[in-house]
C-alpha atoms as a PDB file:
ATOM      1  CA  MET A   1      95.896 119.313 -11.704  1.00  0.00           C
ATOM      2  CA  PRO A   2      94.605 121.884 -14.228  1.00  0.00           C
ATOM      3  CA  GLU A   3      95.218 120.955 -17.845  1.00  0.00           C
ATOM      4  CA  LEU A   4      95.970 123.011 -20.952  1.00  0.00           C
ATOM      5  CA  ARG A   5      94.370 121.605 -24.105  1.00  0.00           C
ATOM      6  CA  LYS A   6      95.077 122.720 -27.651  1.00  0.00           C
ATOM      7  CA  ASP A   7      92.301 122.905 -30.223  1.00  0.00           C
ATOM      8  CA  PRO A   8      93.593 120.754 -33.113  1.00  0.00           C
ATOM      9  CA  ILE A   9      91.972 122.935 -35.788  1.00  0.00           C
ATOM     10  CA  ILE A  10      93.051 126.508 -35.041  1.00  0.00           C
ATOM     11  CA  GLY A  11      95.605 125.958 -32.268  1.00  0.00           C
ATOM     12  CA  ARG A  12      93.628 127.846 -29.612  1.00  0.00           C
ATOM     13  CA  TRP A  13      94.502 126.858 -26.041  1.00  0.00           C
ATOM     14  CA  VAL A  14      91.883 126.151 -23.363  1.00  0.00           C
ATOM     15  CA  ILE A  15      92.443 125.716 -19.632  1.00  0.00           C
ATOM     16  CA  ILE A  16      90.473 122.801 -18.192  1.00  0.00           C
ATOM     17  CA  SER A  17      90.306 123.971 -14.596  1.00  0.00           C
ATOM     18  CA  THR A  18      89.989 120.715 -12.657  1.00  0.00           C
ATOM     19  CA  GLU A  19      90.743 122.551  -9.390  1.00  0.00           C
ATOM     20  CA  ARG A  20      87.337 124.201  -9.648  1.00  0.00           C
ATOM     21  CA  THR A  21      85.410 121.400 -11.366  1.00  0.00           C
ATOM     22  CA  ARG A  22      81.689 122.100 -11.610  1.00  0.00           C
ATOM     23  CA  ARG A  23      78.868 119.635 -12.188  1.00  0.00           C
ATOM     24  CA  PRO A  24      75.512 120.385 -13.853  1.00  0.00           C
ATOM     25  CA  MET A  25      73.804 121.180 -10.542  1.00  0.00           C
ATOM     26  CA  ASP A  26      76.469 123.805  -9.804  1.00  0.00           C
ATOM     27  CA  TYR A  27      75.251 125.958 -12.688  1.00  0.00           C
ATOM     28  CA  LYS A  28      72.220 127.634 -11.202  1.00  0.00           C
ATOM     29  CA  PRO A  29      69.752 129.095 -13.711  1.00  0.00           C
ATOM     30  CA  VAL A  30      69.338 132.867 -13.673  1.00  0.00           C
ATOM     31  CA  PRO A  31      65.699 133.989 -14.072  1.00  0.00           C
ATOM     32  CA  GLU A  32      65.141 135.957 -17.258  1.00  0.00           C
ATOM     33  CA  GLU A  33      62.557 138.680 -17.656  1.00  0.00           C
ATOM     34  CA  ALA A  34      60.563 138.738 -20.861  1.00  0.00           C
ATOM     35  CA  PRO A  35      60.025 142.147 -22.497  1.00  0.00           C
ATOM     36  CA  GLU A  36      56.559 143.642 -22.169  1.00  0.00           C
ATOM     37  CA  GLY A  37      54.155 144.223 -25.018  1.00  0.00           C
ATOM     38  CA  PRO A  38      52.751 142.146 -27.895  1.00  0.00           C
ATOM     39  CA  CYS A  39      55.110 139.783 -29.686  1.00  0.00           C
ATOM     40  CA  PRO A  40      55.611 140.765 -33.360  1.00  0.00           C
ATOM     41  CA  PHE A  41      56.485 137.151 -34.239  1.00  0.00           C
ATOM     42  CA  CYS A  42      53.159 135.670 -33.089  1.00  0.00           C
ATOM     43  CA  PRO A  43      50.416 134.783 -35.617  1.00  0.00           C
ATOM     44  CA  GLY A  44      48.092 137.718 -36.209  1.00  0.00           C
ATOM     45  CA  ASN A  45      50.903 140.263 -35.769  1.00  0.00           C
ATOM     46  CA  GLU A  46      52.472 139.802 -39.205  1.00  0.00           C
ATOM     47  CA  ALA A  47      51.905 143.483 -40.044  1.00  0.00           C
ATOM     48  CA  ALA A  48      54.372 144.382 -37.280  1.00  0.00           C
ATOM     49  CA  THR A  49      57.229 142.760 -39.222  1.00  0.00           C
ATOM     50  CA  PRO A  50      58.687 143.314 -42.694  1.00  0.00           C
ATOM     51  CA  PRO A  51      57.038 141.237 -45.464  1.00  0.00           C
ATOM     52  CA  GLU A  52      57.966 137.570 -45.516  1.00  0.00           C
ATOM     53  CA  ILE A  53      60.765 136.438 -47.814  1.00  0.00           C
ATOM     54  CA  LEU A  54      59.898 132.759 -47.466  1.00  0.00           C
ATOM     55  CA  ALA A  55      57.186 130.901 -45.588  1.00  0.00           C
ATOM     56  CA  TYR A  56      56.016 127.323 -45.202  1.00  0.00           C
ATOM     57  CA  ARG A  57      52.248 127.645 -44.934  1.00  0.00           C
ATOM     58  CA  GLU A  58      49.022 125.744 -44.610  1.00  0.00           C
ATOM     59  CA  PRO A  59      47.373 125.294 -48.031  1.00  0.00           C
ATOM     60  CA  GLY A  60      45.240 128.269 -48.940  1.00  0.00           C
ATOM     61  CA  SER A  61      46.660 130.654 -46.334  1.00  0.00           C
ATOM     62  CA  ALA A  62      47.582 134.119 -47.614  1.00  0.00           C
ATOM     63  CA  PRO A  63      51.111 135.570 -47.479  1.00  0.00           C
ATOM     64  CA  ASN A  64      51.871 137.877 -44.545  1.00  0.00           C
ATOM     65  CA  GLY A  65      48.965 136.543 -42.524  1.00  0.00           C
ATOM     66  CA  PRO A  66      48.308 133.633 -40.137  1.00  0.00           C
ATOM     67  CA  GLY A  67      48.586 130.024 -41.293  1.00  0.00           C
ATOM     68  CA  TRP A  68      52.384 129.717 -41.471  1.00  0.00           C
ATOM     69  CA  GLN A  69      54.578 127.053 -39.880  1.00  0.00           C
ATOM     70  CA  VAL A  70      57.983 128.733 -40.472  1.00  0.00           C
ATOM     71  CA  ARG A  71      58.382 132.311 -41.617  1.00  0.00           C
ATOM     72  CA  VAL A  72      61.494 134.175 -42.872  1.00  0.00           C
ATOM     73  CA  ILE A  73      61.568 137.981 -42.829  1.00  0.00           C
ATOM     74  CA  ALA A  74      64.163 140.720 -43.176  1.00  0.00           C
ATOM     75  CA  ASN A  75      65.437 141.949 -39.820  1.00  0.00           C
ATOM     76  CA  LYS A  76      63.638 145.206 -38.973  1.00  0.00           C
ATOM     77  CA  PHE A  77      66.896 146.615 -37.593  1.00  0.00           C
ATOM     78  CA  PRO A  78      69.492 145.013 -39.894  1.00  0.00           C
ATOM     79  CA  THR A  79      73.186 144.762 -39.126  1.00  0.00           C
ATOM     80  CA  LEU A  80      73.909 144.954 -42.873  1.00  0.00           C
ATOM     81  CA  LYS A  81      71.720 146.075 -45.791  1.00  0.00           C
ATOM     82  CA  VAL A  82      71.194 144.550 -49.226  1.00  0.00           C
ATOM     83  CA  GLU A  83      71.206 147.870 -51.086  1.00  0.00           C
ATOM     84  CA  GLY A  84      74.409 149.370 -52.469  1.00  0.00           C
ATOM     85  CA  GLN A  85      77.892 148.334 -53.508  1.00  0.00           C
ATOM     86  CA  VAL A  86      80.771 147.207 -51.326  1.00  0.00           C
ATOM     87  CA  ASP A  87      83.104 150.062 -52.443  1.00  0.00           C
ATOM     88  CA  LYS A  88      86.271 149.224 -50.524  1.00  0.00           C
ATOM     89  CA  THR A  89      88.246 152.358 -49.653  1.00  0.00           C
ATOM     90  CA  GLY A  90      91.116 153.429 -47.454  1.00  0.00           C
ATOM     91  CA  GLU A  91      91.488 156.193 -44.899  1.00  0.00           C
ATOM     92  CA  GLY A  92      95.212 156.455 -44.360  1.00  0.00           C
ATOM     93  CA  LEU A  93      96.278 153.048 -43.060  1.00  0.00           C
ATOM     94  CA  TYR A  94      92.683 152.098 -42.214  1.00  0.00           C
ATOM     95  CA  ASP A  95      90.462 150.029 -44.530  1.00  0.00           C
ATOM     96  CA  LYS A  96      86.710 150.310 -44.743  1.00  0.00           C
ATOM     97  CA  MET A  97      83.776 149.382 -46.984  1.00  0.00           C
ATOM     98  CA  ASN A  98      80.042 149.913 -47.144  1.00  0.00           C
ATOM     99  CA  GLY A  99      77.904 147.765 -44.850  1.00  0.00           C
ATOM    100  CA  VAL A 100      76.443 145.671 -47.655  1.00  0.00           C
ATOM    101  CA  GLY A 101      74.986 142.256 -46.875  1.00  0.00           C
ATOM    102  CA  ALA A 102      71.744 140.746 -45.678  1.00  0.00           C
ATOM    103  CA  HIS A 103      70.152 140.149 -42.286  1.00  0.00           C
ATOM    104  CA  GLU A 104      67.183 137.818 -42.028  1.00  0.00           C
ATOM    105  CA  VAL A 105      65.133 136.317 -39.198  1.00  0.00           C
ATOM    106  CA  ILE A 106      63.800 132.757 -39.307  1.00  0.00           C
ATOM    107  CA  ILE A 107      60.739 132.515 -37.038  1.00  0.00           C
ATOM    108  CA  GLU A 108      60.816 128.857 -36.052  1.00  0.00           C
ATOM    109  CA  SER A 109      57.192 128.237 -35.084  1.00  0.00           C
ATOM    110  CA  PRO A 110      53.858 130.000 -34.564  1.00  0.00           C
ATOM    111  CA  ASP A 111      53.950 128.820 -30.920  1.00  0.00           C
ATOM    112  CA  HIS A 112      55.335 131.596 -28.724  1.00  0.00           C
ATOM    113  CA  GLU A 113      56.118 129.337 -25.768  1.00  0.00           C
ATOM    114  CA  ARG A 114      57.879 126.379 -27.407  1.00  0.00           C
ATOM    115  CA  SER A 115      61.656 126.436 -27.727  1.00  0.00           C
ATOM    116  CA  LEU A 116      63.472 124.684 -30.557  1.00  0.00           C
ATOM    117  CA  ALA A 117      64.172 121.682 -28.310  1.00  0.00           C
ATOM    118  CA  ASP A 118      60.443 121.386 -27.564  1.00  0.00           C
ATOM    119  CA  GLN A 119      59.368 121.325 -31.216  1.00  0.00           C
ATOM    120  CA  GLU A 120      58.437 118.136 -33.005  1.00  0.00           C
ATOM    121  CA  THR A 121      61.215 116.775 -35.229  1.00  0.00           C
ATOM    122  CA  GLY A 122      59.147 117.543 -38.328  1.00  0.00           C
ATOM    123  CA  GLN A 123      58.930 121.214 -37.329  1.00  0.00           C
ATOM    124  CA  ILE A 124      62.712 121.385 -36.859  1.00  0.00           C
ATOM    125  CA  GLU A 125      63.093 119.878 -40.340  1.00  0.00           C
ATOM    126  CA  LYS A 126      61.130 122.839 -41.733  1.00  0.00           C
ATOM    127  CA  VAL A 127      63.446 125.265 -39.916  1.00  0.00           C
ATOM    128  CA  LEU A 128      66.526 123.532 -41.340  1.00  0.00           C
ATOM    129  CA  ALA A 129      64.950 123.500 -44.802  1.00  0.00           C
ATOM    130  CA  ALA A 130      64.426 127.270 -44.504  1.00  0.00           C
ATOM    131  CA  PHE A 131      68.124 127.708 -43.654  1.00  0.00           C
ATOM    132  CA  VAL A 132      69.101 125.721 -46.749  1.00  0.00           C
ATOM    133  CA  ALA A 133      66.672 127.533 -49.056  1.00  0.00           C
ATOM    134  CA  ARG A 134      67.742 131.003 -47.958  1.00  0.00           C
ATOM    135  CA  MET A 135      71.441 130.145 -48.173  1.00  0.00           C
ATOM    136  CA  HIS A 136      71.050 128.864 -51.729  1.00  0.00           C
ATOM    137  CA  ASP A 137      69.228 132.039 -52.710  1.00  0.00           C
ATOM    138  CA  LEU A 138      71.720 134.428 -51.087  1.00  0.00           C
ATOM    139  CA  LYS A 139      74.684 132.620 -52.637  1.00  0.00           C
ATOM    140  CA  LYS A 140      73.518 133.961 -56.009  1.00  0.00           C
ATOM    141  CA  ASP A 141      74.595 137.462 -54.923  1.00  0.00           C
ATOM    142  CA  VAL A 142      78.262 137.774 -55.958  1.00  0.00           C
ATOM    143  CA  ARG A 143      78.828 140.572 -53.417  1.00  0.00           C
ATOM    144  CA  LEU A 144      78.365 138.149 -50.532  1.00  0.00           C
ATOM    145  CA  GLN A 145      81.278 136.060 -49.276  1.00  0.00           C
ATOM    146  CA  TYR A 146      79.912 134.326 -46.174  1.00  0.00           C
ATOM    147  CA  LEU A 147      76.542 133.170 -44.803  1.00  0.00           C
ATOM    148  CA  MET A 148      76.299 132.849 -41.027  1.00  0.00           C
ATOM    149  CA  VAL A 149      73.279 131.088 -39.523  1.00  0.00           C
ATOM    150  CA  PHE A 150      73.044 131.446 -35.763  1.00  0.00           C
ATOM    151  CA  LYS A 151      70.596 131.327 -32.879  1.00  0.00           C
ATOM    152  CA  ASN A 152      70.571 133.274 -29.612  1.00  0.00           C
ATOM    153  CA  HIS A 153      68.355 131.426 -27.141  1.00  0.00           C
ATOM    154  CA  GLY A 154      67.533 133.365 -23.978  1.00  0.00           C
ATOM    155  CA  PHE A 155      68.084 137.011 -23.188  1.00  0.00           C
ATOM    156  CA  ARG A 156      71.465 136.340 -21.529  1.00  0.00           C
ATOM    157  CA  ALA A 157      72.573 134.823 -24.847  1.00  0.00           C
ATOM    158  CA  GLY A 158      71.595 137.929 -26.803  1.00  0.00           C
ATOM    159  CA  ALA A 159      67.968 137.209 -27.803  1.00  0.00           C
ATOM    160  CA  SER A 160      65.824 140.348 -27.910  1.00  0.00           C
ATOM    161  CA  LEU A 161      62.531 138.417 -28.137  1.00  0.00           C
ATOM    162  CA  GLN A 162      61.375 135.268 -26.364  1.00  0.00           C
ATOM    163  CA  HIS A 163      59.580 133.827 -29.406  1.00  0.00           C
ATOM    164  CA  GLY A 164      61.847 131.150 -30.915  1.00  0.00           C
ATOM    165  CA  HIS A 165      63.842 132.443 -33.882  1.00  0.00           C
ATOM    166  CA  SER A 166      67.200 132.096 -35.626  1.00  0.00           C
ATOM    167  CA  GLN A 167      69.060 134.581 -37.787  1.00  0.00           C
ATOM    168  CA  LEU A 168      71.053 134.610 -41.007  1.00  0.00           C
ATOM    169  CA  ILE A 169      73.599 137.342 -41.706  1.00  0.00           C
ATOM    170  CA  ALA A 170      75.377 137.475 -45.070  1.00  0.00           C
ATOM    171  CA  THR A 171      78.662 139.406 -45.103  1.00  0.00           C
ATOM    172  CA  PRO A 172      80.852 140.799 -47.914  1.00  0.00           C
ATOM    173  CA  ILE A 173      83.967 139.353 -46.244  1.00  0.00           C
ATOM    174  CA  VAL A 174      84.809 135.988 -44.661  1.00  0.00           C
ATOM    175  CA  PRO A 175      84.860 136.365 -40.845  1.00  0.00           C
ATOM    176  CA  LYS A 176      88.223 135.978 -39.106  1.00  0.00           C
ATOM    177  CA  ALA A 177      87.054 133.023 -36.989  1.00  0.00           C
ATOM    178  CA  ILE A 178      86.045 131.107 -40.126  1.00  0.00           C
ATOM    179  CA  LYS A 179      89.328 131.970 -41.864  1.00  0.00           C
ATOM    180  CA  GLU A 180      91.248 130.594 -38.887  1.00  0.00           C
ATOM    181  CA  GLU A 181      89.315 127.317 -39.114  1.00  0.00           C
ATOM    182  CA  MET A 182      89.806 127.152 -42.867  1.00  0.00           C
ATOM    183  CA  TYR A 183      93.551 127.776 -42.605  1.00  0.00           C
ATOM    184  CA  GLY A 184      93.977 125.255 -39.780  1.00  0.00           C
ATOM    185  CA  ALA A 185      92.016 122.609 -41.669  1.00  0.00           C
ATOM    186  CA  ARG A 186      93.958 123.329 -44.876  1.00  0.00           C
ATOM    187  CA  ASP A 187      97.316 122.986 -43.109  1.00  0.00           C
ATOM    188  CA  HIS A 188      96.276 119.645 -41.621  1.00  0.00           C
ATOM    189  CA  PHE A 189      95.158 118.423 -45.055  1.00  0.00           C
ATOM    190  CA  ARG A 190      98.424 119.491 -46.690  1.00  0.00           C
ATOM    191  CA  TYR A 191     100.412 117.597 -44.059  1.00  0.00           C
ATOM    192  CA  LYS A 192      98.290 114.446 -43.713  1.00  0.00           C
ATOM    193  CA  GLU A 193      96.109 114.478 -46.857  1.00  0.00           C
ATOM    194  CA  ARG A 194      93.015 114.047 -44.691  1.00  0.00           C
ATOM    195  CA  CYS A 195      90.227 116.333 -43.498  1.00  0.00           C
ATOM    196  CA  ILE A 196      90.818 117.153 -39.829  1.00  0.00           C
ATOM    197  CA  PHE A 197      87.086 117.110 -39.111  1.00  0.00           C
ATOM    198  CA  CYS A 198      86.806 113.619 -40.611  1.00  0.00           C
ATOM    199  CA  ASP A 199      89.719 112.622 -38.357  1.00  0.00           C
ATOM    200  CA  ILE A 200      87.855 114.056 -35.347  1.00  0.00           C
ATOM    201  CA  VAL A 201      84.711 112.123 -36.323  1.00  0.00           C
ATOM    202  CA  ARG A 202      86.654 108.859 -36.569  1.00  0.00           C
ATOM    203  CA  GLN A 203      88.537 109.385 -33.304  1.00  0.00           C
ATOM    204  CA  GLU A 204      85.476 110.404 -31.287  1.00  0.00           C
ATOM    205  CA  LEU A 205      83.445 107.449 -32.588  1.00  0.00           C
ATOM    206  CA  ASP A 206      86.303 105.155 -31.616  1.00  0.00           C
ATOM    207  CA  ASP A 207      87.125 106.778 -28.248  1.00  0.00           C
ATOM    208  CA  ARG A 208      83.477 107.568 -27.247  1.00  0.00           C
ATOM    209  CA  ARG A 209      84.399 109.401 -24.005  1.00  0.00           C
ATOM    210  CA  ARG A 210      83.302 112.731 -25.481  1.00  0.00           C
ATOM    211  CA  LEU A 211      80.459 111.327 -27.597  1.00  0.00           C
ATOM    212  CA  VAL A 212      77.006 112.573 -26.562  1.00  0.00           C
ATOM    213  CA  THR A 213      74.837 110.794 -29.127  1.00  0.00           C
ATOM    214  CA  GLU A 214      74.831 109.674 -32.761  1.00  0.00           C
ATOM    215  CA  ASN A 215      72.602 108.451 -35.564  1.00  0.00           C
ATOM    216  CA  ASP A 216      73.226 107.150 -39.071  1.00  0.00           C
ATOM    217  CA  GLU A 217      74.316 110.535 -40.458  1.00  0.00           C
ATOM    218  CA  PHE A 218      75.525 112.704 -37.561  1.00  0.00           C
ATOM    219  CA  LEU A 219      77.252 112.655 -34.204  1.00  0.00           C
ATOM    220  CA  SER A 220      77.149 115.062 -31.283  1.00  0.00           C
ATOM    221  CA  ILE A 221      80.301 115.504 -29.185  1.00  0.00           C
ATOM    222  CA  VAL A 222      81.801 117.682 -26.490  1.00  0.00           C
ATOM    223  CA  PRO A 223      84.995 118.852 -28.247  1.00  0.00           C
ATOM    224  CA  PHE A 224      88.387 117.922 -26.788  1.00  0.00           C
ATOM    225  CA  ALA A 225      89.278 121.582 -26.144  1.00  0.00           C
ATOM    226  CA  ALA A 226      85.779 122.842 -25.287  1.00  0.00           C
ATOM    227  CA  ARG A 227      85.823 126.556 -24.464  1.00  0.00           C
ATOM    228  CA  PHE A 228      82.658 126.468 -22.372  1.00  0.00           C
ATOM    229  CA  PRO A 229      81.050 123.965 -19.982  1.00  0.00           C
ATOM    230  CA  PHE A 230      78.764 121.603 -21.940  1.00  0.00           C
ATOM    231  CA  GLU A 231      79.744 123.076 -25.316  1.00  0.00           C
ATOM    232  CA  THR A 232      78.728 120.556 -27.981  1.00  0.00           C
ATOM    233  CA  TRP A 233      79.370 120.158 -31.694  1.00  0.00           C
ATOM    234  CA  ILE A 234      77.230 118.346 -34.244  1.00  0.00           C
ATOM    235  CA  LEU A 235      79.145 117.015 -37.250  1.00  0.00           C
ATOM    236  CA  PRO A 236      78.077 115.020 -40.309  1.00  0.00           C
ATOM    237  CA  LYS A 237      79.703 111.597 -40.460  1.00  0.00           C
ATOM    238  CA  ARG A 238      80.235 111.999 -44.205  1.00  0.00           C
ATOM    239  CA  HIS A 239      82.520 114.712 -45.529  1.00  0.00           C
ATOM    240  CA  ASN A 240      80.621 117.786 -46.695  1.00  0.00           C
ATOM    241  CA  PRO A 241      82.096 121.310 -46.681  1.00  0.00           C
ATOM    242  CA  SER A 242      78.821 123.218 -47.114  1.00  0.00           C
ATOM    243  CA  PHE A 243      75.751 123.062 -44.886  1.00  0.00           C
ATOM    244  CA  GLU A 244      73.444 124.105 -47.710  1.00  0.00           C
ATOM    245  CA  ASP A 245      74.485 120.989 -49.639  1.00  0.00           C
ATOM    246  CA  CYS A 246      72.834 118.695 -47.078  1.00  0.00           C
ATOM    247  CA  GLN A 247      70.942 115.967 -48.896  1.00  0.00           C
ATOM    248  CA  PRO A 248      67.171 115.693 -48.304  1.00  0.00           C
ATOM    249  CA  HIS A 249      67.534 112.289 -46.632  1.00  0.00           C
ATOM    250  CA  GLN A 250      69.968 113.800 -44.105  1.00  0.00           C
ATOM    251  CA  VAL A 251      67.688 116.584 -42.868  1.00  0.00           C
ATOM    252  CA  PRO A 252      65.465 114.349 -40.667  1.00  0.00           C
ATOM    253  CA  HIS A 253      68.596 112.881 -39.033  1.00  0.00           C
ATOM    254  CA  LEU A 254      69.978 116.371 -38.403  1.00  0.00           C
ATOM    255  CA  ALA A 255      66.672 117.548 -36.932  1.00  0.00           C
ATOM    256  CA  ALA A 256      66.574 114.505 -34.638  1.00  0.00           C
ATOM    257  CA  ILE A 257      70.126 114.885 -33.303  1.00  0.00           C
ATOM    258  CA  LEU A 258      69.756 118.657 -32.855  1.00  0.00           C
ATOM    259  CA  LYS A 259      66.562 118.140 -30.856  1.00  0.00           C
ATOM    260  CA  GLU A 260      68.131 115.378 -28.754  1.00  0.00           C
ATOM    261  CA  THR A 261      71.301 117.365 -28.060  1.00  0.00           C
ATOM    262  CA  LEU A 262      69.382 120.464 -26.974  1.00  0.00           C
ATOM    263  CA  THR A 263      67.025 118.326 -24.858  1.00  0.00           C
ATOM    264  CA  ARG A 264      69.949 116.624 -23.107  1.00  0.00           C
ATOM    265  CA  MET A 265      71.492 120.026 -22.424  1.00  0.00           C
ATOM    266  CA  ASN A 266      68.215 121.383 -21.040  1.00  0.00           C
ATOM    267  CA  LEU A 267      67.755 118.409 -18.727  1.00  0.00           C
ATOM    268  CA  SER A 268      71.389 118.404 -17.571  1.00  0.00           C
ATOM    269  CA  VAL A 269      71.963 122.119 -17.001  1.00  0.00           C
ATOM    270  CA  SER A 270      68.448 123.443 -16.248  1.00  0.00           C
ATOM    271  CA  HIS A 271      67.546 124.963 -19.618  1.00  0.00           C
ATOM    272  CA  PRO A 272      70.554 127.257 -20.084  1.00  0.00           C
ATOM    273  CA  PRO A 273      70.655 130.199 -22.477  1.00  0.00           C
ATOM    274  CA  TYR A 274      72.828 129.287 -25.435  1.00  0.00           C
ATOM    275  CA  ASN A 275      74.141 130.323 -28.824  1.00  0.00           C
ATOM    276  CA  PHE A 276      74.435 127.997 -31.761  1.00  0.00           C
ATOM    277  CA  VAL A 277      76.320 128.756 -34.945  1.00  0.00           C
ATOM    278  CA  ILE A 278      76.594 126.858 -38.218  1.00  0.00           C
ATOM    279  CA  HIS A 279      80.171 126.894 -39.554  1.00  0.00           C
ATOM    280  CA  THR A 280      80.173 126.314 -43.300  1.00  0.00           C
ATOM    281  CA  SER A 281      82.369 127.044 -46.319  1.00  0.00           C
ATOM    282  CA  PRO A 282      82.504 130.561 -47.807  1.00  0.00           C
ATOM    283  CA  CYS A 283      80.433 131.456 -50.878  1.00  0.00           C
ATOM    284  CA  ASN A 284      81.644 131.737 -54.455  1.00  0.00           C
ATOM    285  CA  GLN A 285      84.378 129.149 -54.175  1.00  0.00           C
ATOM    286  CA  PRO A 286      84.408 125.378 -54.614  1.00  0.00           C
ATOM    287  CA  GLY A 287      83.794 123.474 -51.393  1.00  0.00           C
ATOM    288  CA  PRO A 288      87.274 122.584 -50.161  1.00  0.00           C
ATOM    289  CA  GLU A 289      88.123 118.963 -49.519  1.00  0.00           C
ATOM    290  CA  TRP A 290      89.722 119.940 -46.210  1.00  0.00           C
ATOM    291  CA  PHE A 291      86.732 121.708 -44.599  1.00  0.00           C
ATOM    292  CA  HIS A 292      83.680 120.065 -43.005  1.00  0.00           C
ATOM    293  CA  TRP A 293      80.591 122.003 -41.916  1.00  0.00           C
ATOM    294  CA  HIS A 294      79.428 121.645 -38.325  1.00  0.00           C
ATOM    295  CA  ILE A 295      77.180 123.206 -35.682  1.00  0.00           C
ATOM    296  CA  GLU A 296      78.667 124.617 -32.475  1.00  0.00           C
ATOM    297  CA  ILE A 297      76.306 124.935 -29.484  1.00  0.00           C
ATOM    298  CA  MET A 298      77.637 127.103 -26.645  1.00  0.00           C
ATOM    299  CA  PRO A 299      75.694 127.357 -23.352  1.00  0.00           C
ATOM    300  CA  ARG A 300      75.988 130.730 -21.610  1.00  0.00           C
ATOM    301  CA  ILE A 301      76.530 129.490 -18.063  1.00  0.00           C
ATOM    302  CA  THR A 302      79.951 131.008 -17.317  1.00  0.00           C
ATOM    303  CA  ARG A 303      81.266 134.506 -17.918  1.00  0.00           C
ATOM    304  CA  VAL A 304      84.084 135.555 -20.208  1.00  0.00           C
ATOM    305  CA  ALA A 305      86.187 137.964 -18.131  1.00  0.00           C
ATOM    306  CA  GLY A 306      89.491 139.851 -18.231  1.00  0.00           C
ATOM    307  CA  PHE A 307      91.852 136.882 -18.531  1.00  0.00           C
ATOM    308  CA  GLU A 308      89.952 135.397 -21.471  1.00  0.00           C
ATOM    309  CA  ARG A 309      89.635 138.730 -23.252  1.00  0.00           C
ATOM    310  CA  GLY A 310      93.266 139.626 -22.624  1.00  0.00           C
ATOM    311  CA  THR A 311      94.838 136.316 -23.653  1.00  0.00           C
ATOM    312  CA  GLY A 312      92.417 134.566 -26.005  1.00  0.00           C
ATOM    313  CA  PHE A 313      92.487 131.568 -23.626  1.00  0.00           C
ATOM    314  CA  TYR A 314      89.232 130.198 -22.239  1.00  0.00           C
ATOM    315  CA  ILE A 315      88.767 128.681 -18.777  1.00  0.00           C
ATOM    316  CA  ASN A 316      86.397 125.701 -18.678  1.00  0.00           C
ATOM    317  CA  PRO A 317      85.616 124.348 -15.188  1.00  0.00           C
ATOM    318  CA  THR A 318      83.917 121.162 -16.463  1.00  0.00           C
ATOM    319  CA  PRO A 319      86.190 118.630 -18.213  1.00  0.00           C
ATOM    320  CA  PRO A 320      84.747 117.667 -21.619  1.00  0.00           C
ATOM    321  CA  GLU A 321      84.721 113.960 -20.770  1.00  0.00           C
ATOM    322  CA  GLU A 322      82.632 114.605 -17.640  1.00  0.00           C
ATOM    323  CA  ALA A 323      80.273 116.948 -19.505  1.00  0.00           C
ATOM    324  CA  ALA A 324      79.709 114.318 -22.204  1.00  0.00           C
ATOM    325  CA  GLN A 325      79.034 111.676 -19.556  1.00  0.00           C
ATOM    326  CA  TYR A 326      76.416 113.866 -17.870  1.00  0.00           C
ATOM    327  CA  LEU A 327      74.771 114.576 -21.224  1.00  0.00           C
ATOM    328  CA  ARG A 328      74.763 110.879 -22.194  1.00  0.00           C
ATOM    329  CA  GLN A 329      73.331 109.652 -18.912  1.00  0.00           C
ATOM    330  CA  VAL A 330      70.352 111.999 -18.680  1.00  0.00           C
ATOM    331  CA  ALA A 331      67.051 110.243 -19.375  1.00  0.00           C
ATOM    332  CA  VAL A 332      65.514 111.749 -22.502  1.00  0.00           C
ATOM    333  CA  PRO A 333      61.710 111.272 -22.676  1.00  0.00           C
END
């Protein structure tokens, strides 16, 4: 019998379609063609990109040349630009503003062939440290209201280059999806005087059917109302509303669980394209006691079609409990 599940945070409904249940082997990988030409993100091609904003480098190596381990640059074709003022205006009943913000690219490694899951944990720590450093710097700009870190892995997930990279877009407004989470979490806190994400952490650690893996600081789960097959969330066990406020001792644990989660997904579902997004608190306001930052990882192995776009429902053909079991059982080297 198909089942409707309600997301406890924003109230979104998901259809768990048990009539068409699919296992990992049912999701056949689609070959992806890499674009031709030299890669601008590879060492030696630094002149093909904008100047670096931040880089972790080998001692003695010169800026904007080889010798880097992680490199952050402005996006050559930015969605939003740093220059200018927001200047909100109206056009009749329509509202608009200038496209002020920031758009940066975090090049995760000099190695063109290695994905994030294939990197050593220490290299992933450097990537996470770059996220934190850039978020702290951008938060100083009072025009910016939200910082979105995300990764498109694979061309079917929106990546334009094969070389491993993440992106950071800073916006002058708080995105609607984040507002919905904030409002849902706030309503839960007002009613129960508890953070809903902390409640989810406690329940999933107790229940364990949807738990993928855990360590001292973080857990990885398939959410109760997962929108997509093998969707996973990584949450800190301790309450923290803002990703950029991660403590230094937590970063190695986060790198380890991110690597393990992505590795389990690769081994279970044949290296799927995916998106991951860090959900964190908005800028320029105290971190609310009802919100809890987390990472959402969404494999791109099913298509969003007319029903989903027309209703806002999602159809997931793999029950979250089964997906978590597959992810847990895979042998990680």
